[in-house]
Amino acid sequence: MQIEFLGTGGYHPSERRHTLCLLLPETGVMFDAGTAAFRLNEAVQSGRVTTRHLQIFLTHAHLDHIAGLTFLLPLTLGGDLDSITVHGLPQVLQAVQEHLYDEALFPVPPDFIWQPLDGAVRLPDGSQLTYYPLEHPGGSLAYRIDWPDRSLALVTDTTASSSPPYGEFIQGVDLLIHECYFPDELADWATRTGHSNSSPVAETARSCQAGRLALVHTDPRRTDDDPVGLAGIRSIFPAVELPEDGAVLEF
């Protein structure tokens, strides 16, 4: 199973990272639709996405996670996909439909299927997707997918702690994708903004016995190779990666 990191940054795009958008091409599942969502067009047209029915799961309605929904119109108008279903909490879908697609902002509404979340979702490949509410200004969701032989979880946007409320939800996950916006020297900013800094993310992965940890939603102002302090994270949880846009992980 592969996951493509179409976009790995937070808040706003930078020259190095677009905002969050993750794709499971073999299942036709996408998490969030940040500014990197334009890259879905190439993934579909190249044949990497092996289904004509895309399902997008939104964590929340902040602009850095939904702006790319407006980039997907050609996929349905051009016939590349038969359907795009957007899943999210009812208030999130309402905000997107009423504001992002306000006629003055986007006068051609997309032919999406808007599907409010109401319990676990059974995906076409037989796996099960579940979700958990996170603490974040305006709210957010963590997602988890379980297959018979592997599992994956995405946690963004929230403030990690050594014993996070969502710890049981992600317990034993094979691949934990967790936001890590700030390095430890800016831990106070993590608390103030509802985001995470390095050491608590590593401690979360360790305490929840994750198999691997991939860090996303990093600070776009940091364009260097190591915006989060990987050495410190590895001293707590060695099996950590910092994917950049375009990275593909096997899990």
C-alpha atoms as a PDB file:
ATOM      1  CA  MET A   1       0.000   0.000   0.000  1.00  0.00           C
ATOM      2  CA  GLN A   2       1.260   3.481  -0.889  1.00  0.00           C
ATOM      3  CA  ILE A   3       0.514   6.966   0.375  1.00  0.00           C
ATOM      4  CA  GLU A   4       1.503  10.023  -1.641  1.00  0.00           C
ATOM      5  CA  PHE A   5       2.340  13.240   0.178  1.00  0.00           C
ATOM      6  CA  LEU A   6       0.988  15.744  -2.326  1.00  0.00           C
ATOM      7  CA  GLY A   7       1.346  18.560   0.189  1.00  0.00           C
ATOM      8  CA  THR A   8       3.096  18.527   3.563  1.00  0.00           C
ATOM      9  CA  GLY A   9       2.999  22.095   4.859  1.00  0.00           C
ATOM     10  CA  GLY A  10       0.675  24.125   7.024  1.00  0.00           C
ATOM     11  CA  TYR A  11      -0.930  27.577   6.994  1.00  0.00           C
ATOM     12  CA  HIS A  12       0.214  28.782   3.571  1.00  0.00           C
ATOM     13  CA  PRO A  13       2.189  27.336   0.654  1.00  0.00           C
ATOM     14  CA  SER A  14       5.915  28.006   0.397  1.00  0.00           C
ATOM     15  CA  GLU A  15       8.429  27.461  -2.374  1.00  0.00           C
ATOM     16  CA  ARG A  16       9.184  24.070  -0.785  1.00  0.00           C
ATOM     17  CA  ARG A  17       5.852  22.797   0.557  1.00  0.00           C
ATOM     18  CA  HIS A  18       2.207  23.215  -0.394  1.00  0.00           C
ATOM     19  CA  THR A  19      -0.466  22.816   2.260  1.00  0.00           C
ATOM     20  CA  LEU A  20      -1.762  19.474   3.428  1.00  0.00           C
ATOM     21  CA  CYS A  21      -3.080  16.926   0.956  1.00  0.00           C
ATOM     22  CA  LEU A  22      -2.471  13.166   1.232  1.00  0.00           C
ATOM     23  CA  LEU A  23      -3.487  10.563  -1.340  1.00  0.00           C
ATOM     24  CA  LEU A  24      -3.965   6.797  -1.177  1.00  0.00           C
ATOM     25  CA  PRO A  25      -3.962   6.177  -4.935  1.00  0.00           C
ATOM     26  CA  GLU A  26      -4.863   2.492  -4.724  1.00  0.00           C
ATOM     27  CA  THR A  27      -8.046   3.146  -2.725  1.00  0.00           C
ATOM     28  CA  GLY A  28      -9.066   6.509  -4.183  1.00  0.00           C
ATOM     29  CA  VAL A  29      -8.969   8.184  -0.757  1.00  0.00           C
ATOM     30  CA  MET A  30      -7.612  11.673  -0.192  1.00  0.00           C
ATOM     31  CA  PHE A  31      -7.177  13.414   3.156  1.00  0.00           C
ATOM     32  CA  ASP A  32      -7.746  17.163   3.027  1.00  0.00           C
ATOM     33  CA  ALA A  33      -7.475  19.371  -0.025  1.00  0.00           C
ATOM     34  CA  GLY A  34      -4.879  22.011   0.676  1.00  0.00           C
ATOM     35  CA  THR A  35      -3.116  23.999  -2.031  1.00  0.00           C
ATOM     36  CA  ALA A  36      -1.339  20.806  -3.144  1.00  0.00           C
ATOM     37  CA  ALA A  37      -4.628  19.355  -4.403  1.00  0.00           C
ATOM     38  CA  PHE A  38      -3.825  20.587  -7.926  1.00  0.00           C
ATOM     39  CA  ARG A  39      -1.365  17.662  -8.067  1.00  0.00           C
ATOM     40  CA  LEU A  40      -4.277  15.233  -7.999  1.00  0.00           C
ATOM     41  CA  ASN A  41      -4.943  16.048 -11.659  1.00  0.00           C
ATOM     42  CA  GLU A  42      -1.619  14.530 -12.722  1.00  0.00           C
ATOM     43  CA  ALA A  43      -2.039  11.544 -10.383  1.00  0.00           C
ATOM     44  CA  VAL A  44      -5.389  10.731 -11.981  1.00  0.00           C
ATOM     45  CA  GLN A  45      -4.335  11.314 -15.581  1.00  0.00           C
ATOM     46  CA  SER A  46      -1.144   9.261 -15.143  1.00  0.00           C
ATOM     47  CA  GLY A  47      -3.180   6.264 -13.998  1.00  0.00           C
ATOM     48  CA  ARG A  48      -1.730   6.149 -10.478  1.00  0.00           C
ATOM     49  CA  VAL A  49      -5.245   6.569  -9.073  1.00  0.00           C
ATOM     50  CA  THR A  50      -6.816   3.250  -9.951  1.00  0.00           C
ATOM     51  CA  THR A  51     -10.477   4.111  -9.369  1.00  0.00           C
ATOM     52  CA  ARG A  52     -12.849   6.563 -11.032  1.00  0.00           C
ATOM     53  CA  HIS A  53     -14.517   7.390  -7.706  1.00  0.00           C
ATOM     54  CA  LEU A  54     -12.529   9.675  -5.396  1.00  0.00           C
ATOM     55  CA  GLN A  55     -13.374  10.081  -1.719  1.00  0.00           C
ATOM     56  CA  ILE A  56     -12.034  13.133   0.124  1.00  0.00           C
ATOM     57  CA  PHE A  57     -12.064  13.227   3.927  1.00  0.00           C
ATOM     58  CA  LEU A  58     -11.729  16.711   5.426  1.00  0.00           C
ATOM     59  CA  THR A  59     -10.240  17.154   8.874  1.00  0.00           C
ATOM     60  CA  HIS A  60     -11.722  20.639   9.237  1.00  0.00           C
ATOM     61  CA  ALA A  61     -12.627  23.746   7.262  1.00  0.00           C
ATOM     62  CA  HIS A  62      -9.597  25.981   7.737  1.00  0.00           C
ATOM     63  CA  LEU A  63      -8.513  27.398   4.394  1.00  0.00           C
ATOM     64  CA  ASP A  64      -5.135  25.650   4.272  1.00  0.00           C
ATOM     65  CA  HIS A  65      -7.026  22.332   4.284  1.00  0.00           C
ATOM     66  CA  ILE A  66      -9.831  23.098   1.816  1.00  0.00           C
ATOM     67  CA  ALA A  67      -8.619  25.723  -0.687  1.00  0.00           C
ATOM     68  CA  GLY A  68      -7.630  23.029  -3.180  1.00  0.00           C
ATOM     69  CA  LEU A  69     -11.198  21.780  -3.512  1.00  0.00           C
ATOM     70  CA  THR A  70     -11.604  24.549  -6.065  1.00  0.00           C
ATOM     71  CA  PHE A  71      -8.794  23.042  -8.174  1.00  0.00           C
ATOM     72  CA  LEU A  72     -10.616  19.762  -8.870  1.00  0.00           C
ATOM     73  CA  LEU A  73     -13.330  20.970 -11.230  1.00  0.00           C
ATOM     74  CA  PRO A  74     -11.509  19.765 -14.401  1.00  0.00           C
ATOM     75  CA  LEU A  75     -11.479  16.180 -13.134  1.00  0.00           C
ATOM     76  CA  THR A  76     -15.270  15.940 -13.216  1.00  0.00           C
ATOM     77  CA  LEU A  77     -15.969  18.302 -16.103  1.00  0.00           C
ATOM     78  CA  GLY A  78     -13.350  16.549 -18.233  1.00  0.00           C
ATOM     79  CA  GLY A  79     -14.604  13.072 -17.431  1.00  0.00           C
ATOM     80  CA  ASP A  80     -11.408  11.873 -15.719  1.00  0.00           C
ATOM     81  CA  LEU A  81     -13.426  10.846 -12.648  1.00  0.00           C
ATOM     82  CA  ASP A  82     -17.001   9.656 -12.419  1.00  0.00           C
ATOM     83  CA  SER A  83     -17.542  11.045  -8.925  1.00  0.00           C
ATOM     84  CA  ILE A  84     -15.922  12.976  -6.096  1.00  0.00           C
ATOM     85  CA  THR A  85     -17.442  12.483  -2.651  1.00  0.00           C
ATOM     86  CA  VAL A  86     -16.436  14.924   0.077  1.00  0.00           C
ATOM     87  CA  HIS A  87     -16.809  13.630   3.641  1.00  0.00           C
ATOM     88  CA  GLY A  88     -16.714  15.768   6.760  1.00  0.00           C
ATOM     89  CA  LEU A  89     -18.643  16.840   9.799  1.00  0.00           C
ATOM     90  CA  PRO A  90     -21.934  18.524   8.834  1.00  0.00           C
ATOM     91  CA  GLN A  91     -20.777  21.968   9.957  1.00  0.00           C
ATOM     92  CA  VAL A  92     -17.569  21.614   7.950  1.00  0.00           C
ATOM     93  CA  LEU A  93     -19.383  20.698   4.742  1.00  0.00           C
ATOM     94  CA  GLN A  94     -21.847  23.525   5.304  1.00  0.00           C
ATOM     95  CA  ALA A  95     -19.021  26.046   5.728  1.00  0.00           C
ATOM     96  CA  VAL A  96     -17.323  24.862   2.539  1.00  0.00           C
ATOM     97  CA  GLN A  97     -20.505  24.932   0.479  1.00  0.00           C
ATOM     98  CA  GLU A  98     -21.725  28.294   1.750  1.00  0.00           C
ATOM     99  CA  HIS A  99     -18.438  30.177   1.807  1.00  0.00           C
ATOM    100  CA  LEU A 100     -15.795  28.593  -0.428  1.00  0.00           C
ATOM    101  CA  TYR A 101     -18.403  28.126  -3.151  1.00  0.00           C
ATOM    102  CA  ASP A 102     -20.197  31.392  -2.628  1.00  0.00           C
ATOM    103  CA  GLU A 103     -21.208  32.617  -6.078  1.00  0.00           C
ATOM    104  CA  ALA A 104     -19.066  35.740  -5.780  1.00  0.00           C
ATOM    105  CA  LEU A 105     -15.986  33.615  -5.043  1.00  0.00           C
ATOM    106  CA  PHE A 106     -16.519  30.553  -7.236  1.00  0.00           C
ATOM    107  CA  PRO A 107     -19.475  30.910  -9.619  1.00  0.00           C
ATOM    108  CA  VAL A 108     -19.323  27.385 -11.114  1.00  0.00           C
ATOM    109  CA  PRO A 109     -20.266  24.956  -8.318  1.00  0.00           C
ATOM    110  CA  PRO A 110     -18.587  21.537  -8.569  1.00  0.00           C
ATOM    111  CA  ASP A 111     -20.626  18.404  -9.051  1.00  0.00           C
ATOM    112  CA  PHE A 112     -19.442  16.871  -5.787  1.00  0.00           C
ATOM    113  CA  ILE A 113     -21.348  14.499  -3.527  1.00  0.00           C
ATOM    114  CA  TRP A 114     -21.399  16.022  -0.037  1.00  0.00           C
ATOM    115  CA  GLN A 115     -21.508  13.248   2.552  1.00  0.00           C
ATOM    116  CA  PRO A 116     -21.772  14.164   6.269  1.00  0.00           C
ATOM    117  CA  LEU A 117     -19.906  11.776   8.543  1.00  0.00           C
ATOM    118  CA  ASP A 118     -22.149   9.595  10.671  1.00  0.00           C
ATOM    119  CA  GLY A 119     -20.099   6.761  12.083  1.00  0.00           C
ATOM    120  CA  ALA A 120     -17.457   4.472  10.606  1.00  0.00           C
ATOM    121  CA  VAL A 121     -17.077   4.374   6.821  1.00  0.00           C
ATOM    122  CA  ARG A 122     -16.535   1.116   4.962  1.00  0.00           C
ATOM    123  CA  LEU A 123     -14.240   1.787   2.006  1.00  0.00           C
ATOM    124  CA  PRO A 124     -14.500  -0.049  -1.346  1.00  0.00           C
ATOM    125  CA  ASP A 125     -11.405  -2.163  -0.642  1.00  0.00           C
ATOM    126  CA  GLY A 126     -13.024  -3.552   2.515  1.00  0.00           C
ATOM    127  CA  SER A 127     -11.062  -1.418   4.973  1.00  0.00           C
ATOM    128  CA  GLN A 128     -12.747   0.650   7.681  1.00  0.00           C
ATOM    129  CA  LEU A 129     -12.261   4.356   8.275  1.00  0.00           C
ATOM    130  CA  THR A 130     -12.983   5.841  11.696  1.00  0.00           C
ATOM    131  CA  TYR A 131     -12.492   9.321  13.130  1.00  0.00           C
ATOM    132  CA  TYR A 132     -11.972  11.086  16.445  1.00  0.00           C
ATOM    133  CA  PRO A 133     -12.546  14.745  17.469  1.00  0.00           C
ATOM    134  CA  LEU A 134      -9.428  16.755  18.245  1.00  0.00           C
ATOM    135  CA  GLU A 135      -8.880  19.870  20.311  1.00  0.00           C
ATOM    136  CA  HIS A 136      -8.193  22.780  17.953  1.00  0.00           C
ATOM    137  CA  PRO A 137      -9.700  26.255  17.463  1.00  0.00           C
ATOM    138  CA  GLY A 138     -12.755  25.552  15.321  1.00  0.00           C
ATOM    139  CA  GLY A 139     -12.329  21.798  15.783  1.00  0.00           C
ATOM    140  CA  SER A 140     -10.608  19.103  13.737  1.00  0.00           C
ATOM    141  CA  LEU A 141     -10.737  15.337  13.219  1.00  0.00           C
ATOM    142  CA  ALA A 142      -8.173  12.557  13.373  1.00  0.00           C
ATOM    143  CA  TYR A 143      -8.712   9.740  10.876  1.00  0.00           C
ATOM    144  CA  ARG A 144      -7.708   6.096  11.001  1.00  0.00           C
ATOM    145  CA  ILE A 145      -7.975   3.357   8.371  1.00  0.00           C
ATOM    146  CA  ASP A 146      -7.662  -0.306   9.320  1.00  0.00           C
ATOM    147  CA  TRP A 147      -6.998  -3.071   6.827  1.00  0.00           C
ATOM    148  CA  PRO A 148      -6.645  -6.735   7.872  1.00  0.00           C
ATOM    149  CA  ASP A 149      -2.848  -6.482   7.759  1.00  0.00           C
ATOM    150  CA  ARG A 150      -1.992  -2.795   8.312  1.00  0.00           C
ATOM    151  CA  SER A 151      -3.257   0.528   9.619  1.00  0.00           C
ATOM    152  CA  LEU A 152      -2.724   4.241   9.125  1.00  0.00           C
ATOM    153  CA  ALA A 153      -3.748   7.319  11.113  1.00  0.00           C
ATOM    154  CA  LEU A 154      -3.648  11.052  10.384  1.00  0.00           C
ATOM    155  CA  VAL A 155      -3.639  13.540  13.268  1.00  0.00           C
ATOM    156  CA  THR A 156      -3.845  17.258  12.397  1.00  0.00           C
ATOM    157  CA  ASP A 157      -4.442  20.026  13.636  1.00  0.00           C
ATOM    158  CA  THR A 158      -4.068  19.676  17.403  1.00  0.00           C
ATOM    159  CA  THR A 159      -1.654  20.035  20.314  1.00  0.00           C
ATOM    160  CA  ALA A 160       0.131  16.779  21.106  1.00  0.00           C
ATOM    161  CA  SER A 161       0.915  15.746  24.668  1.00  0.00           C
ATOM    162  CA  SER A 162       2.598  12.775  26.293  1.00  0.00           C
ATOM    163  CA  SER A 163      -0.853  11.307  27.017  1.00  0.00           C
ATOM    164  CA  PRO A 164      -3.070  12.736  24.293  1.00  0.00           C
ATOM    165  CA  PRO A 165      -6.864  12.317  24.509  1.00  0.00           C
ATOM    166  CA  TYR A 166      -6.701  10.607  21.118  1.00  0.00           C
ATOM    167  CA  GLY A 167      -4.048   8.144  22.309  1.00  0.00           C
ATOM    168  CA  GLU A 168      -6.367   5.151  22.462  1.00  0.00           C
ATOM    169  CA  PHE A 169      -7.689   5.945  18.987  1.00  0.00           C
ATOM    170  CA  ILE A 170      -4.232   5.696  17.396  1.00  0.00           C
ATOM    171  CA  GLN A 171      -2.914   2.903  19.637  1.00  0.00           C
ATOM    172  CA  GLY A 172      -0.743   0.425  17.742  1.00  0.00           C
ATOM    173  CA  VAL A 173      -1.143   2.078  14.346  1.00  0.00           C
ATOM    174  CA  ASP A 174       1.456   0.982  11.784  1.00  0.00           C
ATOM    175  CA  LEU A 175       1.934   4.440  10.240  1.00  0.00           C
ATOM    176  CA  LEU A 176       1.138   7.551  12.247  1.00  0.00           C
ATOM    177  CA  ILE A 177       1.072  10.778  10.238  1.00  0.00           C
ATOM    178  CA  HIS A 178       1.105  13.617  12.744  1.00  0.00           C
ATOM    179  CA  GLU A 179       1.367  17.355  12.424  1.00  0.00           C
ATOM    180  CA  CYS A 180       4.511  18.995  13.779  1.00  0.00           C
ATOM    181  CA  TYR A 181       4.268  22.681  13.083  1.00  0.00           C
ATOM    182  CA  PHE A 182       6.784  23.960  15.638  1.00  0.00           C
ATOM    183  CA  PRO A 183      10.201  22.919  16.983  1.00  0.00           C
ATOM    184  CA  ASP A 184      10.487  22.656  20.750  1.00  0.00           C
ATOM    185  CA  GLU A 185      11.864  26.162  21.198  1.00  0.00           C
ATOM    186  CA  LEU A 186       8.459  27.471  20.078  1.00  0.00           C
ATOM    187  CA  ALA A 187       6.393  25.183  22.306  1.00  0.00           C
ATOM    188  CA  ASP A 188       4.507  28.151  23.741  1.00  0.00           C
ATOM    189  CA  TRP A 189       3.289  29.007  20.246  1.00  0.00           C
ATOM    190  CA  ALA A 190       2.044  25.453  19.802  1.00  0.00           C
ATOM    191  CA  THR A 191      -0.150  25.792  22.864  1.00  0.00           C
ATOM    192  CA  ARG A 192      -1.372  29.262  21.861  1.00  0.00           C
ATOM    193  CA  THR A 193      -2.349  28.250  18.325  1.00  0.00           C
ATOM    194  CA  GLY A 194      -3.624  24.704  18.862  1.00  0.00           C
ATOM    195  CA  HIS A 195      -0.722  23.025  17.067  1.00  0.00           C
ATOM    196  CA  SER A 196       2.091  20.632  18.000  1.00  0.00           C
ATOM    197  CA  ASN A 197       5.800  20.837  18.684  1.00  0.00           C
ATOM    198  CA  SER A 198       8.419  18.167  18.262  1.00  0.00           C
ATOM    199  CA  SER A 199       8.991  16.323  21.537  1.00  0.00           C
ATOM    200  CA  PRO A 200       5.311  15.777  22.453  1.00  0.00           C
ATOM    201  CA  VAL A 201       4.683  14.385  18.957  1.00  0.00           C
ATOM    202  CA  ALA A 202       7.547  11.917  19.404  1.00  0.00           C
ATOM    203  CA  GLU A 203       6.310  11.003  22.882  1.00  0.00           C
ATOM    204  CA  THR A 204       2.827  10.453  21.467  1.00  0.00           C
ATOM    205  CA  ALA A 205       4.178   8.041  18.845  1.00  0.00           C
ATOM    206  CA  ARG A 206       6.167   6.178  21.491  1.00  0.00           C
ATOM    207  CA  SER A 207       3.388   5.957  24.082  1.00  0.00           C
ATOM    208  CA  CYS A 208       0.881   4.793  21.473  1.00  0.00           C
ATOM    209  CA  GLN A 209       3.322   2.194  20.113  1.00  0.00           C
ATOM    210  CA  ALA A 210       3.132   3.387  16.532  1.00  0.00           C
ATOM    211  CA  GLY A 211       5.199   1.489  14.014  1.00  0.00           C
ATOM    212  CA  ARG A 212       6.428   4.560  12.120  1.00  0.00           C
ATOM    213  CA  LEU A 213       5.942   8.308  12.359  1.00  0.00           C
ATOM    214  CA  ALA A 214       5.706  10.748   9.455  1.00  0.00           C
ATOM    215  CA  LEU A 215       5.634  14.473  10.205  1.00  0.00           C
ATOM    216  CA  VAL A 216       3.488  16.934   8.247  1.00  0.00           C
ATOM    217  CA  HIS A 217       1.923  20.402   8.522  1.00  0.00           C
ATOM    218  CA  THR A 218       5.268  22.067   9.207  1.00  0.00           C
ATOM    219  CA  ASP A 219       5.837  25.812   9.471  1.00  0.00           C
ATOM    220  CA  PRO A 220       6.016  27.290   5.939  1.00  0.00           C
ATOM    221  CA  ARG A 221       8.418  29.999   7.126  1.00  0.00           C
ATOM    222  CA  ARG A 222      11.027  27.273   7.676  1.00  0.00           C
ATOM    223  CA  THR A 223      12.412  26.304   4.287  1.00  0.00           C
ATOM    224  CA  ASP A 224      15.510  24.471   5.558  1.00  0.00           C
ATOM    225  CA  ASP A 225      15.997  20.701   5.543  1.00  0.00           C
ATOM    226  CA  ASP A 226      15.094  20.248   9.197  1.00  0.00           C
ATOM    227  CA  PRO A 227      12.370  22.629  10.416  1.00  0.00           C
ATOM    228  CA  VAL A 228      11.391  20.517  13.443  1.00  0.00           C
ATOM    229  CA  GLY A 229      14.584  19.211  15.072  1.00  0.00           C
ATOM    230  CA  LEU A 230      14.751  15.615  13.878  1.00  0.00           C
ATOM    231  CA  ALA A 231      17.664  14.631  16.129  1.00  0.00           C
ATOM    232  CA  GLY A 232      15.645  15.383  19.245  1.00  0.00           C
ATOM    233  CA  ILE A 233      12.628  13.521  17.883  1.00  0.00           C
ATOM    234  CA  ARG A 234      14.733  10.476  16.985  1.00  0.00           C
ATOM    235  CA  SER A 235      16.147  10.368  20.516  1.00  0.00           C
ATOM    236  CA  ILE A 236      12.570   9.681  21.682  1.00  0.00           C
ATOM    237  CA  PHE A 237      11.132   7.817  18.688  1.00  0.00           C
ATOM    238  CA  PRO A 238      13.721   6.633  16.142  1.00  0.00           C
ATOM    239  CA  ALA A 239      11.371   5.523  13.356  1.00  0.00           C
ATOM    240  CA  VAL A 240      10.496   9.027  12.172  1.00  0.00           C
ATOM    241  CA  GLU A 241      10.431  10.557   8.689  1.00  0.00           C
ATOM    242  CA  LEU A 242       9.902  14.080   7.405  1.00  0.00           C
ATOM    243  CA  PRO A 243       8.352  13.659   3.947  1.00  0.00           C
ATOM    244  CA  GLU A 244       8.499  16.486   1.446  1.00  0.00           C
ATOM    245  CA  ASP A 245       5.982  17.175  -1.289  1.00  0.00           C
ATOM    246  CA  GLY A 246       5.992  14.341  -3.798  1.00  0.00           C
ATOM    247  CA  ALA A 247       7.230  11.710  -1.358  1.00  0.00           C
ATOM    248  CA  VAL A 248       5.671   8.240  -1.556  1.00  0.00           C
ATOM    249  CA  LEU A 249       5.756   5.897   1.430  1.00  0.00           C
ATOM    250  CA  GLU A 250       5.060   2.175   1.382  1.00  0.00           C
ATOM    251  CA  PHE A 251       3.369   0.851   4.494  1.00  0.00           C
END
